Structures are given as structure tokens and as C-alpha cells.
Amino acid sequence: MAQSISKPGVRMDSLEKRRSERLMLSIPIRVIGIDLAGAQFAEDSQTRVISRAGAQIGLTHKVNPGDSVRIVNLENYSEADFRVVGPLAVENNTSELAVECTEKGRNIWGVELPAAMDPATSQAGALLECRGCRQQALWMITLMEVEVLDSTGQVARPCDRCAKLTFWTYADTIRRPRAFSEIEPTSPPPRLDEALKKIEKRGEKRLGMKMPIRIRTMQGDVEITKTENLSKNGFAANLGLDLQVGDIVWVICPYSSSDMDIEQKAEVRRRALFDLGGRRTYGFRYMR
């Protein structure tokens, strides 16, 4: 268990108390991210355990340790970014994952969790070894990483020698919960990131600008909002309108509600798979 922590001045009983400040609570959540095939996904799931540091969740989509996911609490629609620390177990094609909130001080659970018994125990040092090159280094590890190390024996960390993200385990073999075979991968599997490929093929620069915009459908429905990004040939926006790929709309961008505003035709080229709070992200391309 926590005997792998080696930080001067940190008592093991204090660390155990801090680790026990977790709550077994099932909260409906939506997990949004990019899977190993490079495809965007939105999966509804539930928490198993929550804490100030993060949570344990179940997920059928495959993700890498170190990946970032967006988690939405479907009870209060509060959301935040989380880092996948690593797997804890796999059962019936569902991975039990430890995730850690990357937004400091953010609590999306809607539950008042007890404060740490000792703030000094929120992180501690552990001597870890890269399974790729066998380099050893003293890492500052979080409590969620301790959970994963105690369960699977390894966490994903960047290695300067391997020049990539690799799996690290306790340098002291006695402290490892299991032995590793020679055929086990020493780093997370590569992911074919189709999203990045699409950006490269797009051939035009997109700017993350919030510009006022008015969109009018062919049926006469109107919505005024702001763009998420812009390019010379199109834009993306979050809308409450229910549009389909291929729909044609009239657009004023930027919108100023003056007589000088000029409408342009645009086509819906992309529609997000999921909506949040009744709004959905769409990609539009101007029609010349």
C-alpha cells in the first residue's frame, strides 16, 4: 500500500487517513474525449468513488493513461477536465479508471468533501523506474497515482531518454504489486489521431475567436450566439438549433444588428455527436 511513498516528514498513518477521505457514491456522468482510434466519443457512465483529487469511473471506450477527458456531472451539469491516471481493473469490457481533476480547486460533484487531514500529504515522492529504458527517477506522485500504482503497478509518465510517454513502476521490486513479463508493452499504445490529421488536411488556419453571429434557418428560426473559431471559409458555433449535416442557413458574421449587416449562405458540414445542456457544436462552411 502506501509504504512506497518516501517523502521526508510525511507519516504513513497521515497518508492513510488522507487516502481514506473518499466517498463511495454513484453519480451519473458524461465522459467526453478521444479514443485510441482518434475518434471523438461521449459516453454516459457513473462514478464509483469520488474524492477531492478525482474519481474512479467505468468506461467502455479505450483511452490511454495521460489522456485528457471532459467529465460532466449529469445531475448539476457542472464539468471539468480530468487526466486519466491509469486503469484499476477491467470487467466485462468496462475499464475501471482513476481520473484526476486538472482544474485546481474545482469540485463538480455537488458534495462537500472533507478537507485533507494534512495538506502536506496531497503529494509525495516515490522512486520510480521507466519500464522502457530502466531509468530511475524520484517523481512527485499524486494520491490518485498511488491508487493506480498499488492496483496495476504502473503509471504513465514522460521519459526524457525514451522521448515519449512510458509506463513507470516502483524501482523497488518488492513494492510492486505484480511482476511484469517481457512481452507486456512498456508504453501506452499509439493512437491514430484522425482529429489532428483533419486539421492538417484542412489547409486553412482557424482562429479561436468569439465573434457575435446570427444564424437563420430556411424555416425562419433565428439564433444569436458567438463563434467558437473562425477561418476564411467557415466557422464553428454552439447552438440550440437542431440542425443536420447538409442543412443550409443564412449567416451574419459579425452581427451588429445594423442595416449594414450582410447575410451569407452557409452549409452545415459537421455536427457533434453529443449535446450538453441542449446545445450542440456545429461546423459551417460558406457557400460562394
C-alpha atoms as a PDB file:
ATOM      1  CA  MET A   1       0.000   0.000   0.000  1.00  0.00           C
ATOM      2  CA  ALA A   2       1.365   3.435   0.911  1.00  0.00           C
ATOM      3  CA  GLN A   3       4.740   2.153   2.141  1.00  0.00           C
ATOM      4  CA  SER A   4       6.028   3.010  -1.347  1.00  0.00           C
ATOM      5  CA  ILE A   5       5.866   6.703  -0.503  1.00  0.00           C
ATOM      6  CA  SER A   6       9.166   8.144   0.548  1.00  0.00           C
ATOM      7  CA  LYS A   7       8.885  11.807   1.455  1.00  0.00           C
ATOM      8  CA  PRO A   8      10.747  13.229   4.457  1.00  0.00           C
ATOM      9  CA  GLY A   9       8.356  14.477   7.130  1.00  0.00           C
ATOM     10  CA  VAL A  10       5.301  12.569   5.846  1.00  0.00           C
ATOM     11  CA  ARG A  11       3.920   9.983   8.259  1.00  0.00           C
ATOM     12  CA  MET A  12       2.398   6.875   6.715  1.00  0.00           C
ATOM     13  CA  ASP A  13      -0.606   6.942   9.074  1.00  0.00           C
ATOM     14  CA  SER A  14      -1.348  10.518   7.947  1.00  0.00           C
ATOM     15  CA  LEU A  15      -1.194   9.408   4.328  1.00  0.00           C
ATOM     16  CA  GLU A  16      -3.587   6.538   5.030  1.00  0.00           C
ATOM     17  CA  LYS A  17      -6.025   8.959   6.684  1.00  0.00           C
ATOM     18  CA  ARG A  18      -5.834  11.288   3.699  1.00  0.00           C
ATOM     19  CA  ARG A  19      -6.429   8.412   1.282  1.00  0.00           C
ATOM     20  CA  SER A  20      -9.476   7.292   3.277  1.00  0.00           C
ATOM     21  CA  GLU A  21     -11.201  10.658   2.675  1.00  0.00           C
ATOM     22  CA  ARG A  22     -13.111   9.269  -0.269  1.00  0.00           C
ATOM     23  CA  LEU A  23     -16.809   8.707  -0.759  1.00  0.00           C
ATOM     24  CA  MET A  24     -18.342   5.684  -2.445  1.00  0.00           C
ATOM     25  CA  LEU A  25     -21.029   7.460  -4.440  1.00  0.00           C
ATOM     26  CA  SER A  26     -22.658   6.720  -7.788  1.00  0.00           C
ATOM     27  CA  ILE A  27     -23.148   9.941  -9.776  1.00  0.00           C
ATOM     28  CA  PRO A  28     -24.335   9.882 -13.411  1.00  0.00           C
ATOM     29  CA  ILE A  29     -21.673  11.447 -15.633  1.00  0.00           C
ATOM     30  CA  ARG A  30     -20.895  12.009 -19.279  1.00  0.00           C
ATOM     31  CA  VAL A  31     -17.280  11.429 -20.320  1.00  0.00           C
ATOM     32  CA  ILE A  32     -16.099  13.222 -23.464  1.00  0.00           C
ATOM     33  CA  GLY A  33     -12.748  12.532 -25.078  1.00  0.00           C
ATOM     34  CA  ILE A  34     -10.744  10.980 -27.904  1.00  0.00           C
ATOM     35  CA  ASP A  35     -10.393   7.189 -28.019  1.00  0.00           C
ATOM     36  CA  LEU A  36      -7.424   5.135 -29.212  1.00  0.00           C
ATOM     37  CA  ALA A  37      -8.696   5.217 -32.813  1.00  0.00           C
ATOM     38  CA  GLY A  38      -8.630   9.020 -32.767  1.00  0.00           C
ATOM     39  CA  ALA A  39     -12.423   9.321 -32.767  1.00  0.00           C
ATOM     40  CA  GLN A  40     -14.331  11.661 -30.512  1.00  0.00           C
ATOM     41  CA  PHE A  41     -16.704   9.954 -28.088  1.00  0.00           C
ATOM     42  CA  ALA A  42     -19.268  10.847 -25.466  1.00  0.00           C
ATOM     43  CA  GLU A  43     -20.142   8.037 -23.067  1.00  0.00           C
ATOM     44  CA  ASP A  44     -22.628   8.114 -20.206  1.00  0.00           C
ATOM     45  CA  SER A  45     -21.332   6.357 -17.129  1.00  0.00           C
ATOM     46  CA  GLN A  46     -21.251   6.634 -13.344  1.00  0.00           C
ATOM     47  CA  THR A  47     -18.706   7.322 -10.659  1.00  0.00           C
ATOM     48  CA  ARG A  48     -17.775   4.542  -8.269  1.00  0.00           C
ATOM     49  CA  VAL A  49     -15.782   6.642  -5.833  1.00  0.00           C
ATOM     50  CA  ILE A  50     -15.266  10.403  -5.620  1.00  0.00           C
ATOM     51  CA  SER A  51     -12.707  12.495  -3.776  1.00  0.00           C
ATOM     52  CA  ARG A  52     -11.252  15.981  -3.847  1.00  0.00           C
ATOM     53  CA  ALA A  53      -8.469  14.737  -6.117  1.00  0.00           C
ATOM     54  CA  GLY A  54     -10.638  12.944  -8.661  1.00  0.00           C
ATOM     55  CA  ALA A  55     -12.734   9.846  -9.021  1.00  0.00           C
ATOM     56  CA  GLN A  56     -12.956   6.221 -10.040  1.00  0.00           C
ATOM     57  CA  ILE A  57     -15.179   5.710 -13.081  1.00  0.00           C
ATOM     58  CA  GLY A  58     -16.142   2.969 -15.510  1.00  0.00           C
ATOM     59  CA  LEU A  59     -15.558   3.440 -19.251  1.00  0.00           C
ATOM     60  CA  THR A  60     -16.076   1.126 -22.230  1.00  0.00           C
ATOM     61  CA  HIS A  61     -14.171   3.368 -24.673  1.00  0.00           C
ATOM     62  CA  LYS A  62     -10.443   2.761 -24.703  1.00  0.00           C
ATOM     63  CA  VAL A  63      -8.196   5.638 -23.640  1.00  0.00           C
ATOM     64  CA  ASN A  64      -4.537   5.988 -22.785  1.00  0.00           C
ATOM     65  CA  PRO A  65      -3.088   6.894 -19.396  1.00  0.00           C
ATOM     66  CA  GLY A  66      -2.244  10.573 -19.550  1.00  0.00           C
ATOM     67  CA  ASP A  67      -5.174  11.389 -21.852  1.00  0.00           C
ATOM     68  CA  SER A  68      -7.431  14.298 -21.006  1.00  0.00           C
ATOM     69  CA  VAL A  69     -11.194  13.823 -20.811  1.00  0.00           C
ATOM     70  CA  ARG A  70     -14.048  16.186 -20.043  1.00  0.00           C
ATOM     71  CA  ILE A  71     -16.439  14.941 -17.369  1.00  0.00           C
ATOM     72  CA  VAL A  72     -19.918  16.391 -16.951  1.00  0.00           C
ATOM     73  CA  ASN A  73     -21.938  15.750 -13.806  1.00  0.00           C
ATOM     74  CA  LEU A  74     -25.379  14.989 -15.279  1.00  0.00           C
ATOM     75  CA  GLU A  75     -27.094  15.892 -12.012  1.00  0.00           C
ATOM     76  CA  ASN A  76     -25.940  19.522 -11.888  1.00  0.00           C
ATOM     77  CA  TYR A  77     -24.250  19.928 -15.321  1.00  0.00           C
ATOM     78  CA  SER A  78     -21.038  21.074 -13.685  1.00  0.00           C
ATOM     79  CA  GLU A  79     -17.992  19.974 -15.687  1.00  0.00           C
ATOM     80  CA  ALA A  80     -14.199  19.969 -15.637  1.00  0.00           C
ATOM     81  CA  ASP A  81     -11.143  18.486 -17.340  1.00  0.00           C
ATOM     82  CA  PHE A  82      -9.648  15.302 -15.886  1.00  0.00           C
ATOM     83  CA  ARG A  83      -6.437  13.375 -16.563  1.00  0.00           C
ATOM     84  CA  VAL A  84      -6.614   9.606 -16.948  1.00  0.00           C
ATOM     85  CA  VAL A  85      -4.133   8.384 -14.351  1.00  0.00           C
ATOM     86  CA  GLY A  86      -4.488   4.739 -15.270  1.00  0.00           C
ATOM     87  CA  PRO A  87      -6.649   1.609 -15.116  1.00  0.00           C
ATOM     88  CA  LEU A  88      -7.571  -0.083 -11.854  1.00  0.00           C
ATOM     89  CA  ALA A  89      -9.388  -3.122 -13.243  1.00  0.00           C
ATOM     90  CA  VAL A  90     -11.213  -4.442 -16.321  1.00  0.00           C
ATOM     91  CA  GLU A  91     -14.532  -6.279 -16.113  1.00  0.00           C
ATOM     92  CA  ASN A  92     -16.981  -7.153 -18.932  1.00  0.00           C
ATOM     93  CA  ASN A  93     -15.209  -4.836 -21.406  1.00  0.00           C
ATOM     94  CA  THR A  94     -15.511  -1.924 -18.962  1.00  0.00           C
ATOM     95  CA  SER A  95     -12.305  -0.388 -17.646  1.00  0.00           C
ATOM     96  CA  GLU A  96     -12.250   0.875 -14.086  1.00  0.00           C
ATOM     97  CA  LEU A  97     -10.222   4.089 -14.359  1.00  0.00           C
ATOM     98  CA  ALA A  98      -8.699   6.515 -11.900  1.00  0.00           C
ATOM     99  CA  VAL A  99      -9.086  10.088 -13.122  1.00  0.00           C
ATOM    100  CA  GLU A 100      -7.676  13.232 -11.574  1.00  0.00           C
ATOM    101  CA  CYS A 101      -9.130  16.723 -11.927  1.00  0.00           C
ATOM    102  CA  THR A 102      -6.671  19.105 -13.600  1.00  0.00           C
ATOM    103  CA  GLU A 103      -8.587  22.265 -12.681  1.00  0.00           C
ATOM    104  CA  LYS A 104      -7.254  23.262  -9.274  1.00  0.00           C
ATOM    105  CA  GLY A 105      -9.922  23.717  -6.625  1.00  0.00           C
ATOM    106  CA  ARG A 106     -12.716  22.534  -8.934  1.00  0.00           C
ATOM    107  CA  ASN A 107     -15.387  20.289  -7.409  1.00  0.00           C
ATOM    108  CA  ILE A 108     -18.087  19.185  -9.872  1.00  0.00           C
ATOM    109  CA  TRP A 109     -19.682  16.556  -7.639  1.00  0.00           C
ATOM    110  CA  GLY A 110     -22.074  18.807  -5.735  1.00  0.00           C
ATOM    111  CA  VAL A 111     -20.954  17.167  -2.495  1.00  0.00           C
ATOM    112  CA  GLU A 112     -18.983  18.834   0.277  1.00  0.00           C
ATOM    113  CA  LEU A 113     -15.992  16.567   0.739  1.00  0.00           C
ATOM    114  CA  PRO A 114     -13.891  16.683   3.912  1.00  0.00           C
ATOM    115  CA  ALA A 115     -10.707  18.711   3.792  1.00  0.00           C
ATOM    116  CA  ALA A 116      -7.350  16.979   3.853  1.00  0.00           C
ATOM    117  CA  MET A 117      -6.155  15.950   7.264  1.00  0.00           C
ATOM    118  CA  ASP A 118      -2.701  17.224   6.373  1.00  0.00           C
ATOM    119  CA  PRO A 119      -2.180  19.325   3.196  1.00  0.00           C
ATOM    120  CA  ALA A 120       1.434  18.171   3.058  1.00  0.00           C
ATOM    121  CA  THR A 121       0.286  14.660   2.178  1.00  0.00           C
ATOM    122  CA  SER A 122      -1.519  15.579  -1.061  1.00  0.00           C
ATOM    123  CA  GLN A 123       1.699  14.727  -2.904  1.00  0.00           C
ATOM    124  CA  ALA A 124       4.742  12.667  -2.020  1.00  0.00           C
ATOM    125  CA  GLY A 125       7.949  11.463  -3.587  1.00  0.00           C
ATOM    126  CA  ALA A 126       8.480   7.930  -4.861  1.00  0.00           C
ATOM    127  CA  LEU A 127      11.445   6.362  -6.644  1.00  0.00           C
ATOM    128  CA  LEU A 128      10.072   5.038  -9.935  1.00  0.00           C
ATOM    129  CA  GLU A 129      11.660   3.143 -12.831  1.00  0.00           C
ATOM    130  CA  CYS A 130      10.862   3.509 -16.518  1.00  0.00           C
ATOM    131  CA  ARG A 131       9.922   0.108 -17.889  1.00  0.00           C
ATOM    132  CA  GLY A 132      11.299   1.099 -21.285  1.00  0.00           C
ATOM    133  CA  CYS A 133      14.868   2.203 -20.566  1.00  0.00           C
ATOM    134  CA  ARG A 134      15.117   1.249 -16.838  1.00  0.00           C
ATOM    135  CA  GLN A 135      15.969   4.813 -15.899  1.00  0.00           C
ATOM    136  CA  GLN A 136      15.170   5.573 -12.250  1.00  0.00           C
ATOM    137  CA  ALA A 137      13.926   8.939 -11.046  1.00  0.00           C
ATOM    138  CA  LEU A 138      12.327  10.455  -7.979  1.00  0.00           C
ATOM    139  CA  TRP A 139       8.848  11.590  -9.003  1.00  0.00           C
ATOM    140  CA  MET A 140       6.299  13.645  -7.099  1.00  0.00           C
ATOM    141  CA  ILE A 141       3.190  11.483  -7.354  1.00  0.00           C
ATOM    142  CA  THR A 142      -0.406  12.292  -6.506  1.00  0.00           C
ATOM    143  CA  LEU A 143      -2.742  10.208  -4.393  1.00  0.00           C
ATOM    144  CA  MET A 144      -4.648   9.008  -7.440  1.00  0.00           C
ATOM    145  CA  GLU A 145      -1.355   7.787  -8.917  1.00  0.00           C
ATOM    146  CA  VAL A 146      -0.675   5.926  -5.658  1.00  0.00           C
ATOM    147  CA  GLU A 147      -4.033   4.182  -6.117  1.00  0.00           C
ATOM    148  CA  VAL A 148      -3.083   3.088  -9.634  1.00  0.00           C
ATOM    149  CA  LEU A 149       0.452   2.022  -8.629  1.00  0.00           C
ATOM    150  CA  ASP A 150      -0.983  -0.101  -5.831  1.00  0.00           C
ATOM    151  CA  SER A 151      -3.517  -1.664  -8.198  1.00  0.00           C
ATOM    152  CA  THR A 152      -1.805  -2.169 -11.573  1.00  0.00           C
ATOM    153  CA  GLY A 153       1.790  -1.457 -10.591  1.00  0.00           C
ATOM    154  CA  GLN A 154       2.452   1.247 -13.172  1.00  0.00           C
ATOM    155  CA  VAL A 155       1.576   4.804 -14.183  1.00  0.00           C
ATOM    156  CA  ALA A 156       2.252   6.711 -17.391  1.00  0.00           C
ATOM    157  CA  ARG A 157       4.903   9.439 -17.217  1.00  0.00           C
ATOM    158  CA  PRO A 158       7.070  11.181 -19.835  1.00  0.00           C
ATOM    159  CA  CYS A 159      10.584   9.731 -20.171  1.00  0.00           C
ATOM    160  CA  ASP A 160      13.370  12.000 -21.441  1.00  0.00           C
ATOM    161  CA  ARG A 161      15.516   9.064 -22.550  1.00  0.00           C
ATOM    162  CA  CYS A 162      12.730   7.269 -24.415  1.00  0.00           C
ATOM    163  CA  ALA A 163      11.458  10.662 -25.671  1.00  0.00           C
ATOM    164  CA  LYS A 164       7.828   9.625 -25.199  1.00  0.00           C
ATOM    165  CA  LEU A 165       5.202   8.706 -22.636  1.00  0.00           C
ATOM    166  CA  THR A 166       6.132   5.405 -20.967  1.00  0.00           C
ATOM    167  CA  PHE A 167       4.982   3.234 -18.091  1.00  0.00           C
ATOM    168  CA  TRP A 168       6.797   3.703 -14.772  1.00  0.00           C
ATOM    169  CA  THR A 169       6.719   1.312 -11.813  1.00  0.00           C
ATOM    170  CA  TYR A 170       8.238   1.260  -8.344  1.00  0.00           C
ATOM    171  CA  ALA A 171      12.031   0.976  -8.529  1.00  0.00           C
ATOM    172  CA  ASP A 172      11.947  -1.351  -5.523  1.00  0.00           C
ATOM    173  CA  THR A 173      10.672  -4.651  -6.939  1.00  0.00           C
ATOM    174  CA  ILE A 174       9.378  -5.707  -3.516  1.00  0.00           C
ATOM    175  CA  ARG A 175       6.904  -2.828  -3.582  1.00  0.00           C
ATOM    176  CA  ARG A 176       5.449  -3.774  -6.955  1.00  0.00           C
ATOM    177  CA  PRO A 177       2.034  -5.481  -6.679  1.00  0.00           C
ATOM    178  CA  ARG A 178       2.949  -7.823  -9.559  1.00  0.00           C
ATOM    179  CA  ALA A 179       5.749  -8.841 -11.884  1.00  0.00           C
ATOM    180  CA  PHE A 180       5.908  -7.625 -15.498  1.00  0.00           C
ATOM    181  CA  SER A 181       6.536 -10.008 -18.370  1.00  0.00           C
ATOM    182  CA  GLU A 182       8.902  -9.185 -21.225  1.00  0.00           C
ATOM    183  CA  ILE A 183       6.074  -9.126 -23.754  1.00  0.00           C
ATOM    184  CA  GLU A 184       3.989  -6.516 -21.931  1.00  0.00           C
ATOM    185  CA  PRO A 185       4.072  -3.060 -23.571  1.00  0.00           C
ATOM    186  CA  THR A 186       6.316  -0.532 -21.893  1.00  0.00           C
ATOM    187  CA  SER A 187       4.365   2.484 -23.135  1.00  0.00           C
ATOM    188  CA  PRO A 188       0.738   3.340 -23.967  1.00  0.00           C
ATOM    189  CA  PRO A 189      -0.305   2.198 -27.471  1.00  0.00           C
ATOM    190  CA  PRO A 190      -0.007   4.765 -30.276  1.00  0.00           C
ATOM    191  CA  ARG A 191      -3.233   6.416 -31.284  1.00  0.00           C
ATOM    192  CA  LEU A 192      -4.217   7.260 -34.822  1.00  0.00           C
ATOM    193  CA  ASP A 193      -5.375  10.787 -34.156  1.00  0.00           C
ATOM    194  CA  GLU A 194      -7.745  11.426 -37.022  1.00  0.00           C
ATOM    195  CA  ALA A 195      -8.702  14.741 -35.498  1.00  0.00           C
ATOM    196  CA  LEU A 196      -5.137  16.029 -35.941  1.00  0.00           C
ATOM    197  CA  LYS A 197      -4.992  14.641 -39.477  1.00  0.00           C
ATOM    198  CA  LYS A 198      -8.140  16.542 -40.367  1.00  0.00           C
ATOM    199  CA  ILE A 199      -6.625  19.740 -39.047  1.00  0.00           C
ATOM    200  CA  GLU A 200      -3.526  19.194 -41.179  1.00  0.00           C
ATOM    201  CA  LYS A 201      -5.650  18.478 -44.284  1.00  0.00           C
ATOM    202  CA  ARG A 202      -7.916  21.445 -43.709  1.00  0.00           C
ATOM    203  CA  GLY A 203      -5.460  23.739 -45.451  1.00  0.00           C
ATOM    204  CA  GLU A 204      -6.676  26.863 -43.707  1.00  0.00           C
ATOM    205  CA  LYS A 205      -5.869  28.471 -40.403  1.00  0.00           C
ATOM    206  CA  ARG A 206      -8.595  28.566 -37.765  1.00  0.00           C
ATOM    207  CA  LEU A 207      -8.622  31.285 -35.136  1.00  0.00           C
ATOM    208  CA  GLY A 208     -10.238  30.764 -31.752  1.00  0.00           C
ATOM    209  CA  MET A 209     -12.280  33.968 -31.847  1.00  0.00           C
ATOM    210  CA  LYS A 210     -15.602  34.747 -30.142  1.00  0.00           C
ATOM    211  CA  MET A 211     -17.466  36.828 -32.718  1.00  0.00           C
ATOM    212  CA  PRO A 212     -21.171  37.739 -32.437  1.00  0.00           C
ATOM    213  CA  ILE A 213     -23.127  35.866 -35.068  1.00  0.00           C
ATOM    214  CA  ARG A 214     -26.731  35.460 -36.197  1.00  0.00           C
ATOM    215  CA  ILE A 215     -27.952  32.273 -37.844  1.00  0.00           C
ATOM    216  CA  ARG A 216     -31.302  31.988 -39.658  1.00  0.00           C
ATOM    217  CA  THR A 217     -32.627  28.668 -40.920  1.00  0.00           C
ATOM    218  CA  MET A 218     -34.627  28.207 -44.097  1.00  0.00           C
ATOM    219  CA  GLN A 219     -37.679  27.683 -41.863  1.00  0.00           C
ATOM    220  CA  GLY A 220     -37.189  31.113 -40.292  1.00  0.00           C
ATOM    221  CA  ASP A 221     -35.758  30.071 -36.921  1.00  0.00           C
ATOM    222  CA  VAL A 222     -33.171  32.570 -35.684  1.00  0.00           C
ATOM    223  CA  GLU A 223     -30.436  32.266 -33.068  1.00  0.00           C
ATOM    224  CA  ILE A 224     -27.842  34.823 -31.983  1.00  0.00           C
ATOM    225  CA  THR A 225     -24.679  33.460 -30.411  1.00  0.00           C
ATOM    226  CA  LYS A 226     -20.884  33.649 -30.729  1.00  0.00           C
ATOM    227  CA  THR A 227     -18.429  31.671 -32.832  1.00  0.00           C
ATOM    228  CA  GLU A 228     -16.024  29.164 -31.277  1.00  0.00           C
ATOM    229  CA  ASN A 229     -13.467  29.579 -34.076  1.00  0.00           C
ATOM    230  CA  LEU A 230     -13.199  31.221 -37.488  1.00  0.00           C
ATOM    231  CA  SER A 231     -11.462  30.677 -40.816  1.00  0.00           C
ATOM    232  CA  LYS A 232     -11.778  32.411 -44.176  1.00  0.00           C
ATOM    233  CA  ASN A 233     -14.110  29.641 -45.380  1.00  0.00           C
ATOM    234  CA  GLY A 234     -16.202  28.867 -42.314  1.00  0.00           C
ATOM    235  CA  PHE A 235     -16.678  28.805 -38.579  1.00  0.00           C
ATOM    236  CA  ALA A 236     -17.819  26.674 -35.633  1.00  0.00           C
ATOM    237  CA  ALA A 237     -20.534  27.616 -33.147  1.00  0.00           C
ATOM    238  CA  ASN A 238     -22.548  26.138 -30.275  1.00  0.00           C
ATOM    239  CA  LEU A 239     -26.276  26.333 -30.999  1.00  0.00           C
ATOM    240  CA  GLY A 240     -29.576  25.344 -29.505  1.00  0.00           C
ATOM    241  CA  LEU A 241     -30.954  24.882 -33.031  1.00  0.00           C
ATOM    242  CA  ASP A 242     -31.381  21.289 -34.168  1.00  0.00           C
ATOM    243  CA  LEU A 243     -29.519  21.164 -37.497  1.00  0.00           C
ATOM    244  CA  GLN A 244     -28.381  18.284 -39.667  1.00  0.00           C
ATOM    245  CA  VAL A 245     -25.281  17.890 -41.837  1.00  0.00           C
ATOM    246  CA  GLY A 246     -26.135  19.355 -45.239  1.00  0.00           C
ATOM    247  CA  ASP A 247     -28.646  21.918 -43.950  1.00  0.00           C
ATOM    248  CA  ILE A 248     -28.362  25.431 -45.443  1.00  0.00           C
ATOM    249  CA  VAL A 249     -28.585  28.519 -43.229  1.00  0.00           C
ATOM    250  CA  TRP A 250     -28.231  32.278 -43.597  1.00  0.00           C
ATOM    251  CA  VAL A 251     -25.408  33.785 -41.542  1.00  0.00           C
ATOM    252  CA  ILE A 252     -24.438  37.286 -40.458  1.00  0.00           C
ATOM    253  CA  CYS A 253     -20.887  37.358 -39.106  1.00  0.00           C
ATOM    254  CA  PRO A 254     -20.025  39.577 -37.379  1.00  0.00           C
ATOM    255  CA  TYR A 255     -23.519  40.501 -36.269  1.00  0.00           C
ATOM    256  CA  SER A 256     -24.179  44.076 -35.128  1.00  0.00           C
ATOM    257  CA  SER A 257     -27.986  44.419 -35.629  1.00  0.00           C
ATOM    258  CA  SER A 258     -27.396  47.331 -38.014  1.00  0.00           C
ATOM    259  CA  ASP A 259     -28.553  47.966 -41.569  1.00  0.00           C
ATOM    260  CA  MET A 260     -25.003  47.260 -42.744  1.00  0.00           C
ATOM    261  CA  ASP A 261     -25.172  43.569 -41.814  1.00  0.00           C
ATOM    262  CA  ILE A 262     -24.976  41.247 -44.824  1.00  0.00           C
ATOM    263  CA  GLU A 263     -26.283  37.689 -44.833  1.00  0.00           C
ATOM    264  CA  GLN A 264     -24.269  34.846 -46.360  1.00  0.00           C
ATOM    265  CA  LYS A 265     -25.273  31.278 -47.081  1.00  0.00           C
ATOM    266  CA  ALA A 266     -23.502  28.530 -45.193  1.00  0.00           C
ATOM    267  CA  GLU A 267     -23.797  24.757 -45.101  1.00  0.00           C
ATOM    268  CA  VAL A 268     -23.639  22.540 -42.004  1.00  0.00           C
ATOM    269  CA  ARG A 269     -20.579  20.374 -42.618  1.00  0.00           C
ATOM    270  CA  ARG A 270     -20.087  18.925 -39.150  1.00  0.00           C
ATOM    271  CA  ARG A 271     -22.376  18.105 -36.214  1.00  0.00           C
ATOM    272  CA  ALA A 272     -21.073  16.994 -32.809  1.00  0.00           C
ATOM    273  CA  LEU A 273     -22.163  13.543 -31.679  1.00  0.00           C
ATOM    274  CA  PHE A 274     -23.412  14.812 -28.342  1.00  0.00           C
ATOM    275  CA  ASP A 275     -25.102  17.846 -26.846  1.00  0.00           C
ATOM    276  CA  LEU A 276     -24.634  19.443 -23.448  1.00  0.00           C
ATOM    277  CA  GLY A 277     -27.428  21.358 -21.778  1.00  0.00           C
ATOM    278  CA  GLY A 278     -29.446  21.322 -25.006  1.00  0.00           C
ATOM    279  CA  ARG A 279     -26.676  22.884 -27.101  1.00  0.00           C
ATOM    280  CA  ARG A 280     -24.558  21.256 -29.788  1.00  0.00           C
ATOM    281  CA  THR A 281     -21.397  22.243 -31.676  1.00  0.00           C
ATOM    282  CA  TYR A 282     -21.690  22.655 -35.454  1.00  0.00           C
ATOM    283  CA  GLY A 283     -19.139  23.341 -38.172  1.00  0.00           C
ATOM    284  CA  PHE A 284     -20.239  25.572 -41.068  1.00  0.00           C
ATOM    285  CA  ARG A 285     -18.708  26.290 -44.474  1.00  0.00           C
ATOM    286  CA  TYR A 286     -19.647  29.356 -46.507  1.00  0.00           C
ATOM    287  CA  MET A 287     -21.275  28.807 -49.873  1.00  0.00           C
ATOM    288  CA  ARG A 288     -19.837  31.028 -52.641  1.00  0.00           C
END
